[in-house]
PDB file of N, CA and C in Angstrom:
ATOM      1  N   UNK A   1     234.979 175.004  87.987  1.00  0.00           N
ATOM      2  CA  UNK A   1     234.266 175.608  86.886  1.00  0.00           C
ATOM      3  C   UNK A   1     233.724 176.953  87.357  1.00  0.00           C
ATOM      4  N   UNK A   2     233.832 177.986  86.518  1.00  0.00           N
ATOM      5  CA  UNK A   2     233.298 179.298  86.908  1.00  0.00           C
ATOM      6  C   UNK A   2     231.775 179.254  86.991  1.00  0.00           C
ATOM      7  N   UNK A   3     231.215 180.184  87.724  1.00  0.00           N
ATOM      8  CA  UNK A   3     229.752 180.302  87.827  1.00  0.00           C
ATOM      9  C   UNK A   3     229.180 180.595  86.446  1.00  0.00           C
ATOM     10  N   UNK A   4     228.164 179.841  86.055  1.00  0.00           N
ATOM     11  CA  UNK A   4     227.550 180.011  84.747  1.00  0.00           C
ATOM     12  C   UNK A   4     226.305 180.876  84.848  1.00  0.00           C
ATOM     13  N   UNK A   5     226.068 181.661  83.818  1.00  0.00           N
ATOM     14  CA  UNK A   5     224.851 182.455  83.718  1.00  0.00           C
ATOM     15  C   UNK A   5     223.927 181.736  82.748  1.00  0.00           C
ATOM     16  N   UNK A   6     222.863 181.159  83.284  1.00  0.00           N
ATOM     17  CA  UNK A   6     221.937 180.356  82.492  1.00  0.00           C
ATOM     18  C   UNK A   6     220.841 181.222  81.892  1.00  0.00           C
ATOM     19  N   UNK A   7     220.497 180.932  80.647  1.00  0.00           N
ATOM     20  CA  UNK A   7     219.400 181.611  79.967  1.00  0.00           C
ATOM     21  C   UNK A   7     218.400 180.564  79.500  1.00  0.00           C
ATOM     22  N   UNK A   8     217.130 180.864  79.664  1.00  0.00           N
ATOM     23  CA  UNK A   8     216.098 179.948  79.192  1.00  0.00           C
ATOM     24  C   UNK A   8     215.994 180.048  77.678  1.00  0.00           C
ATOM     25  N   UNK A   9     215.903 178.911  77.025  1.00  0.00           N
ATOM     26  CA  UNK A   9     215.765 178.884  75.579  1.00  0.00           C
ATOM     27  C   UNK A   9     214.511 179.634  75.152  1.00  0.00           C
ATOM     28  N   UNK A  10     214.613 180.365  74.064  1.00  0.00           N
ATOM     29  CA  UNK A  10     213.452 181.094  73.549  1.00  0.00           C
ATOM     30  C   UNK A  10     212.392 180.134  73.008  1.00  0.00           C
ATOM     31  N   UNK A  11     212.753 178.883  72.800  1.00  0.00           N
ATOM     32  CA  UNK A  11     211.801 177.878  72.325  1.00  0.00           C
ATOM     33  C   UNK A  11     211.074 177.188  73.470  1.00  0.00           C
ATOM     34  N   UNK A  12     211.485 177.445  74.694  1.00  0.00           N
ATOM     35  CA  UNK A  12     210.810 176.833  75.848  1.00  0.00           C
ATOM     36  C   UNK A  12     209.576 177.637  76.196  1.00  0.00           C
ATOM     37  N   UNK A  13     208.511 176.930  76.454  1.00  0.00           N
ATOM     38  CA  UNK A  13     207.264 177.593  76.849  1.00  0.00           C
ATOM     39  C   UNK A  13     207.390 178.079  78.294  1.00  0.00           C
ATOM     40  N   UNK A  14     206.354 178.693  78.783  1.00  0.00           N
ATOM     41  CA  UNK A  14     206.346 179.183  80.159  1.00  0.00           C
ATOM     42  C   UNK A  14     206.146 178.061  81.173  1.00  0.00           C
ATOM     43  N   UNK A  15     205.914 176.856  80.693  1.00  0.00           N
ATOM     44  CA  UNK A  15     205.697 175.713  81.585  1.00  0.00           C
ATOM     45  C   UNK A  15     207.001 175.325  82.280  1.00  0.00           C
ATOM     46  N   UNK A  16     206.914 174.276  83.083  1.00  0.00           N
ATOM     47  CA  UNK A  16     208.072 173.855  83.880  1.00  0.00           C
ATOM     48  C   UNK A  16     209.153 173.162  83.056  1.00  0.00           C
ATOM     49  N   UNK A  17     208.814 172.584  81.913  1.00  0.00           N
ATOM     50  CA  UNK A  17     209.792 171.850  81.109  1.00  0.00           C
ATOM     51  C   UNK A  17     210.566 172.803  80.207  1.00  0.00           C
ATOM     52  N   UNK A  18     211.655 173.343  80.729  1.00  0.00           N
ATOM     53  CA  UNK A  18     212.424 174.334  79.996  1.00  0.00           C
ATOM     54  C   UNK A  18     213.857 173.855  79.786  1.00  0.00           C
ATOM     55  N   UNK A  19     214.455 174.307  78.697  1.00  0.00           N
ATOM     56  CA  UNK A  19     215.863 174.048  78.426  1.00  0.00           C
ATOM     57  C   UNK A  19     216.618 175.347  78.675  1.00  0.00           C
ATOM     58  N   UNK A  20     217.735 175.230  79.380  1.00  0.00           N
ATOM     59  CA  UNK A  20     218.582 176.383  79.676  1.00  0.00           C
ATOM     60  C   UNK A  20     219.937 176.197  79.016  1.00  0.00           C
ATOM     61  N   UNK A  21     220.547 177.288  78.609  1.00  0.00           N
ATOM     62  CA  UNK A  21     221.853 177.260  77.966  1.00  0.00           C
ATOM     63  C   UNK A  21     222.770 178.281  78.632  1.00  0.00           C
ATOM     64  N   UNK A  22     224.051 177.944  78.705  1.00  0.00           N
ATOM     65  CA  UNK A  22     225.075 178.859  79.221  1.00  0.00           C
ATOM     66  C   UNK A  22     226.344 178.631  78.416  1.00  0.00           C
ATOM     67  N   UNK A  23     227.136 179.668  78.248  1.00  0.00           N
ATOM     68  CA  UNK A  23     228.415 179.531  77.555  1.00  0.00           C
ATOM     69  C   UNK A  23     229.534 180.055  78.438  1.00  0.00           C
ATOM     70  N   UNK A  24     230.733 179.572  78.169  1.00  0.00           N
ATOM     71  CA  UNK A  24     231.906 180.047  78.901  1.00  0.00           C
ATOM     72  C   UNK A  24     232.745 180.919  77.984  1.00  0.00           C
ATOM     73  N   UNK A  25     233.738 181.570  78.548  1.00  0.00           N
ATOM     74  CA  UNK A  25     234.620 182.428  77.757  1.00  0.00           C
ATOM     75  C   UNK A  25     235.442 181.622  76.755  1.00  0.00           C
ATOM     76  N   UNK A  26     235.591 180.324  76.983  1.00  0.00           N
ATOM     77  CA  UNK A  26     236.325 179.467  76.053  1.00  0.00           C
ATOM     78  C   UNK A  26     235.446 178.930  74.929  1.00  0.00           C
ATOM     79  N   UNK A  27     234.138 179.204  74.992  1.00  0.00           N
ATOM     80  CA  UNK A  27     233.219 178.783  73.952  1.00  0.00           C
ATOM     81  C   UNK A  27     232.477 177.494  74.236  1.00  0.00           C
ATOM     82  N   UNK A  28     232.704 176.885  75.385  1.00  0.00           N
ATOM     83  CA  UNK A  28     231.973 175.679  75.745  1.00  0.00           C
ATOM     84  C   UNK A  28     230.506 176.024  75.964  1.00  0.00           C
ATOM     85  N   UNK A  29     229.628 175.193  75.424  1.00  0.00           N
ATOM     86  CA  UNK A  29     228.188 175.380  75.572  1.00  0.00           C
ATOM     87  C   UNK A  29     227.682 174.354  76.581  1.00  0.00           C
ATOM     88  N   UNK A  30     226.877 174.811  77.536  1.00  0.00           N
ATOM     89  CA  UNK A  30     226.287 173.933  78.549  1.00  0.00           C
ATOM     90  C   UNK A  30     224.776 173.994  78.393  1.00  0.00           C
ATOM     91  N   UNK A  31     224.142 172.817  78.472  1.00  0.00           N
ATOM     92  CA  UNK A  31     222.687 172.710  78.372  1.00  0.00           C
ATOM     93  C   UNK A  31     222.172 171.943  79.575  1.00  0.00           C
ATOM     94  N   UNK A  32     220.997 172.348  80.068  1.00  0.00           N
ATOM     95  CA  UNK A  32     220.353 171.610  81.161  1.00  0.00           C
ATOM     96  C   UNK A  32     218.848 171.768  81.054  1.00  0.00           C
ATOM     97  N   UNK A  33     218.134 170.861  81.701  1.00  0.00           N
ATOM     98  CA  UNK A  33     216.677 170.908  81.770  1.00  0.00           C
ATOM     99  C   UNK A  33     216.257 171.464  83.118  1.00  0.00           C
ATOM    100  N   UNK A  34     215.097 172.094  83.160  1.00  0.00           N
ATOM    101  CA  UNK A  34     214.615 172.634  84.430  1.00  0.00           C
ATOM    102  C   UNK A  34     214.244 171.517  85.399  1.00  0.00           C
ATOM    103  N   UNK A  35     213.879 170.335  84.872  1.00  0.00           N
ATOM    104  CA  UNK A  35     213.499 169.213  85.731  1.00  0.00           C
ATOM    105  C   UNK A  35     214.666 168.684  86.564  1.00  0.00           C
ATOM    106  N   UNK A  36     215.876 168.693  85.992  1.00  0.00           N
ATOM    107  CA  UNK A  36     217.060 168.198  86.693  1.00  0.00           C
ATOM    108  C   UNK A  36     218.229 169.147  86.457  1.00  0.00           C
ATOM    109  N   UNK A  37     218.213 170.315  87.074  1.00  0.00           N
ATOM    110  CA  UNK A  37     219.231 171.339  86.801  1.00  0.00           C
ATOM    111  C   UNK A  37     220.644 170.952  87.228  1.00  0.00           C
ATOM    112  N   UNK A  38     220.770 169.925  88.074  1.00  0.00           N
ATOM    113  CA  UNK A  38     222.111 169.517  88.506  1.00  0.00           C
ATOM    114  C   UNK A  38     222.830 168.698  87.433  1.00  0.00           C
ATOM    115  N   UNK A  39     222.109 168.254  86.407  1.00  0.00           N
ATOM    116  CA  UNK A  39     222.699 167.493  85.309  1.00  0.00           C
ATOM    117  C   UNK A  39     222.819 168.414  84.098  1.00  0.00           C
ATOM    118  N   UNK A  40     224.039 168.585  83.604  1.00  0.00           N
ATOM    119  CA  UNK A  40     224.266 169.466  82.459  1.00  0.00           C
ATOM    120  C   UNK A  40     225.098 168.756  81.399  1.00  0.00           C
ATOM    121  N   UNK A  41     224.787 169.033  80.156  1.00  0.00           N
ATOM    122  CA  UNK A  41     225.524 168.529  79.009  1.00  0.00           C
ATOM    123  C   UNK A  41     226.477 169.628  78.563  1.00  0.00           C
ATOM    124  N   UNK A  42     227.717 169.273  78.276  1.00  0.00           N
ATOM    125  CA  UNK A  42     228.694 170.237  77.782  1.00  0.00           C
ATOM    126  C   UNK A  42     229.122 169.831  76.384  1.00  0.00           C
ATOM    127  N   UNK A  43     229.248 170.814  75.509  1.00  0.00           N
ATOM    128  CA  UNK A  43     229.632 170.533  74.131  1.00  0.00           C
ATOM    129  C   UNK A  43     230.369 171.742  73.558  1.00  0.00           C
ATOM    130  N   UNK A  44     230.823 171.592  72.327  1.00  0.00           N
ATOM    131  CA  UNK A  44     231.485 172.698  71.641  1.00  0.00           C
ATOM    132  C   UNK A  44     230.515 173.332  70.653  1.00  0.00           C
ATOM    133  N   UNK A  45     230.879 174.502  70.189  1.00  0.00           N
ATOM    134  CA  UNK A  45     230.044 175.197  69.211  1.00  0.00           C
ATOM    135  C   UNK A  45     229.922 174.384  67.920  1.00  0.00           C
ATOM    136  N   UNK A  46     231.018 173.791  67.468  1.00  0.00           N
ATOM    137  CA  UNK A  46     230.993 173.002  66.237  1.00  0.00           C
ATOM    138  C   UNK A  46     230.079 171.784  66.365  1.00  0.00           C
ATOM    139  N   UNK A  47     230.175 171.090  67.479  1.00  0.00           N
ATOM    140  CA  UNK A  47     229.340 169.898  67.667  1.00  0.00           C
ATOM    141  C   UNK A  47     227.871 170.266  67.824  1.00  0.00           C
ATOM    142  N   UNK A  48     227.594 171.368  68.503  1.00  0.00           N
ATOM    143  CA  UNK A  48     226.208 171.814  68.652  1.00  0.00           C
ATOM    144  C   UNK A  48     225.642 172.199  67.291  1.00  0.00           C
ATOM    145  N   UNK A  49     226.441 172.882  66.483  1.00  0.00           N
ATOM    146  CA  UNK A  49     226.016 173.243  65.134  1.00  0.00           C
ATOM    147  C   UNK A  49     225.730 172.025  64.284  1.00  0.00           C
ATOM    148  N   UNK A  50     226.570 170.992  64.401  1.00  0.00           N
ATOM    149  CA  UNK A  50     226.362 169.758  63.647  1.00  0.00           C
ATOM    150  C   UNK A  50     225.059 169.086  64.070  1.00  0.00           C
ATOM    151  N   UNK A  51     224.772 169.073  65.364  1.00  0.00           N
ATOM    152  CA  UNK A  51     223.520 168.488  65.855  1.00  0.00           C
ATOM    153  C   UNK A  51     222.318 169.241  65.295  1.00  0.00           C
ATOM    154  N   UNK A  52     222.355 170.553  65.352  1.00  0.00           N
ATOM    155  CA  UNK A  52     221.233 171.361  64.856  1.00  0.00           C
ATOM    156  C   UNK A  52     221.041 171.150  63.361  1.00  0.00           C
ATOM    157  N   UNK A  53     222.136 171.135  62.590  1.00  0.00           N
ATOM    158  CA  UNK A  53     222.018 170.900  61.146  1.00  0.00           C
ATOM    159  C   UNK A  53     221.422 169.528  60.863  1.00  0.00           C
ATOM    160  N   UNK A  54     221.847 168.518  61.611  1.00  0.00           N
ATOM    161  CA  UNK A  54     221.318 167.169  61.428  1.00  0.00           C
ATOM    162  C   UNK A  54     219.824 167.123  61.720  1.00  0.00           C
ATOM    163  N   UNK A  55     219.404 167.758  62.801  1.00  0.00           N
ATOM    164  CA  UNK A  55     217.985 167.768  63.150  1.00  0.00           C
ATOM    165  C   UNK A  55     217.151 168.516  62.122  1.00  0.00           C
ATOM    166  N   UNK A  56     217.695 169.596  61.581  1.00  0.00           N
ATOM    167  CA  UNK A  56     216.963 170.368  60.575  1.00  0.00           C
ATOM    168  C   UNK A  56     216.815 169.612  59.254  1.00  0.00           C
ATOM    169  N   UNK A  57     217.812 168.818  58.895  1.00  0.00           N
ATOM    170  CA  UNK A  57     217.782 168.155  57.586  1.00  0.00           C
ATOM    171  C   UNK A  57     217.206 166.742  57.652  1.00  0.00           C
ATOM    172  N   UNK A  58     216.977 166.210  58.840  1.00  0.00           N
ATOM    173  CA  UNK A  58     216.434 164.867  58.996  1.00  0.00           C
ATOM    174  C   UNK A  58     215.236 164.885  59.936  1.00  0.00           C
ATOM    175  N   UNK A  59     214.070 165.296  59.444  1.00  0.00           N
ATOM    176  CA  UNK A  59     212.893 165.417  60.301  1.00  0.00           C
ATOM    177  C   UNK A  59     212.514 164.119  61.024  1.00  0.00           C
ATOM    178  N   UNK A  60     212.835 162.969  60.443  1.00  0.00           N
ATOM    179  CA  UNK A  60     212.463 161.703  61.075  1.00  0.00           C
ATOM    180  C   UNK A  60     213.187 161.511  62.401  1.00  0.00           C
ATOM    181  N   UNK A  61     214.358 162.095  62.568  1.00  0.00           N
ATOM    182  CA  UNK A  61     215.101 161.990  63.832  1.00  0.00           C
ATOM    183  C   UNK A  61     214.354 162.715  64.935  1.00  0.00           C
ATOM    184  N   UNK A  62     213.779 163.860  64.651  1.00  0.00           N
ATOM    185  CA  UNK A  62     213.075 164.660  65.643  1.00  0.00           C
ATOM    186  C   UNK A  62     211.856 163.955  66.208  1.00  0.00           C
ATOM    187  N   UNK A  63     211.219 163.106  65.425  1.00  0.00           N
ATOM    188  CA  UNK A  63     210.004 162.455  65.891  1.00  0.00           C
ATOM    189  C   UNK A  63     210.270 161.142  66.614  1.00  0.00           C
ATOM    190  N   UNK A  64     211.517 160.764  66.702  1.00  0.00           N
ATOM    191  CA  UNK A  64     211.866 159.494  67.370  1.00  0.00           C
ATOM    192  C   UNK A  64     211.737 159.600  68.866  1.00  0.00           C
TER     193      UNK A  64
END
């Protein structure tokens, strides 16, 4: 895997619990937490969009 350039989410506070995101030239999205940076989730743009839409339209999921 090529070296990824990680960016801290603009929604993460200045505290230690931060979410980082990186993308590849093929469009794969990678997510990781600052607590365990060696563990990363990989997804596609379409699937990430579906997750965000679901969270926005179903507030009860966010509070679970």
